[in-house]
Protein backbone atom coordinates (compact mmCIF):
# COMPACT_ATOMS: atom_id res chain seq x y z
CA MET A 1 -28.48 17.50 0.47
CA ASN A 2 -28.57 16.88 3.94
CA THR A 3 -26.51 18.58 6.49
CA ILE A 4 -25.19 16.61 9.25
CA VAL A 5 -23.37 18.53 12.26
CA ILE A 6 -20.51 16.16 13.89
CA GLU A 7 -18.18 16.60 17.44
CA VAL A 8 -14.44 15.06 16.97
CA PHE A 9 -11.55 15.02 19.25
CA SER A 10 -8.90 18.10 18.17
CA GLU A 11 -6.73 15.84 17.86
CA THR A 12 -8.58 14.17 14.55
CA TYR A 13 -10.16 17.36 13.36
CA GLN A 14 -5.91 18.29 13.50
CA GLN A 15 -5.67 14.71 11.05
CA LEU A 16 -8.21 15.66 8.91
CA VAL A 17 -7.04 19.33 8.21
CA LYS A 18 -4.12 17.97 8.27
CA THR A 19 -5.24 15.49 5.07
CA ALA A 20 -7.28 18.05 3.51
CA THR A 21 -4.42 20.40 3.36
CA ALA A 22 -1.92 17.89 1.56
CA SER A 23 -4.48 16.44 -0.86
CA GLY A 24 -5.83 20.35 -1.78
CA ALA A 25 -8.68 20.19 -0.63
CA SER A 26 -11.13 22.10 2.49
CA PRO A 27 -11.74 19.61 5.74
CA LYS A 28 -15.34 20.05 5.09
CA GLU A 29 -14.63 18.73 1.34
CA LEU A 30 -12.29 15.35 2.15
CA ALA A 31 -14.61 15.09 4.60
CA GLU A 32 -17.96 14.95 2.74
CA GLU A 33 -15.60 12.43 -0.02
CA LEU A 34 -14.77 10.47 2.66
CA ILE A 35 -19.09 9.60 3.89
CA GLU A 36 -19.38 9.47 0.04
CA SER A 37 -16.86 7.49 -0.80
CA ILE A 38 -18.06 4.87 2.23
CA TYR A 39 -21.98 5.43 2.20
CA GLY A 40 -22.69 7.06 -1.18
CA ILE A 41 -21.92 8.05 -4.74
CA GLN A 42 -19.56 11.30 -5.01
CA HIS A 43 -22.16 13.98 -6.64
CA ARG A 44 -19.66 16.31 -6.72
CA THR A 45 -16.66 14.57 -8.39
CA SER A 46 -15.97 16.94 -11.60
CA GLU A 47 -14.63 15.70 -14.82
CA ALA A 48 -10.98 16.58 -13.54
CA GLN A 49 -11.01 14.72 -11.37
CA LYS A 50 -12.50 11.40 -13.19
CA ASN A 51 -9.80 11.35 -15.70
CA ASP A 52 -7.41 11.88 -13.31
CA PRO A 53 -4.92 8.76 -13.50
CA HIS A 54 -3.92 9.36 -9.73
CA TYR A 55 -7.47 10.84 -8.23
CA ALA A 56 -8.58 6.99 -6.61
CA ARG A 57 -5.01 7.49 -5.14
CA GLN A 58 -4.62 10.79 -4.05
CA VAL A 59 -8.60 9.51 -2.16
CA LEU A 60 -7.31 6.49 -0.91
CA THR A 61 -4.02 7.81 0.47
CA SER A 62 -5.99 10.89 1.49
CA ALA A 63 -9.03 8.01 3.51
CA GLY A 64 -5.77 6.01 4.79
CA LEU A 65 -6.61 2.97 2.96
CA VAL A 66 -3.12 3.06 1.36
CA VAL A 67 -0.01 2.32 2.60
CA PRO A 68 4.37 3.00 1.33
CA LEU A 69 5.19 -0.77 0.53
CA SER A 70 7.04 -1.61 3.72
CA GLU A 71 11.32 -2.17 2.92
CA GLN A 72 10.87 -5.80 2.76
CA LEU A 73 8.26 -5.61 -0.20
CA GLN A 74 10.89 -2.91 -2.45
CA ARG A 75 13.20 -5.80 -1.72
CA ALA A 76 11.68 -7.98 -3.40
CA ILE A 77 10.97 -6.19 -6.17
CA GLN A 78 12.76 -7.24 -9.24
CA ASN A 79 13.49 -4.45 -12.03
CA ASP A 80 15.97 -6.61 -13.77
CA ILE A 81 12.25 -8.24 -15.72
CA SER A 82 10.39 -7.04 -18.15
CA LEU A 83 6.17 -7.29 -18.89
CA GLU A 84 6.59 -9.06 -21.36
CA GLU A 85 9.37 -12.21 -19.31
CA ILE A 86 6.15 -11.51 -16.76
CA VAL A 87 3.45 -12.38 -19.44
CA GLU A 88 5.41 -15.41 -20.61
CA GLU A 89 5.81 -16.55 -17.47
CA MET A 90 2.15 -16.06 -16.46
CA SER A 91 0.81 -17.65 -18.61
CA GLN A 92 2.78 -21.08 -18.44
CA ALA A 93 1.32 -21.33 -14.79
CA ALA A 94 -1.20 -24.23 -13.90
CA GLY A 95 -4.43 -23.80 -12.54
CA LEU A 96 -7.60 -21.06 -13.24
CA SER A 97 -6.84 -17.62 -14.37
CA LEU A 98 -7.85 -15.32 -11.52
CA SER A 99 -10.89 -14.36 -14.37
CA GLU A 100 -11.99 -18.11 -13.90
CA LEU A 101 -10.87 -18.18 -9.84
CA LEU A 102 -13.16 -15.39 -9.44
CA ASP A 103 -16.07 -16.42 -11.89
CA GLN A 104 -16.25 -19.73 -10.28
CA GLN A 105 -16.46 -18.51 -6.94
CA ARG A 106 -19.58 -15.84 -7.16
CA GLY A 107 -21.48 -18.88 -9.38
CA PRO A 108 -23.26 -18.55 -12.50
CA HIS A 109 -23.75 -14.96 -13.68
CA ALA A 110 -27.36 -13.07 -13.50
CA PRO A 111 -28.37 -12.56 -17.41
């Protein structure tokens, strides 16, 4: 593993400390996670983290890539509809499925 030293503004470091503390990590660990999530493979992810269904959201949130829904979107959510009703409605939609659209955009699969 290589070591780098970077200089950041005081405000940036304070935000890093605040975010790291909120996620239960040290600033060093959070900085490593952020850099690895963008440029490399996370070699230090523990089995507990890999199995935690909330881990990915925590990492993305700490990187500032997840934000709460706006009030307008929260009001648009219909809590009175069941999953079965959604599946039924979606099955009657015309056109290609999302998977088919993605396959079409990607082109033929490599063998």
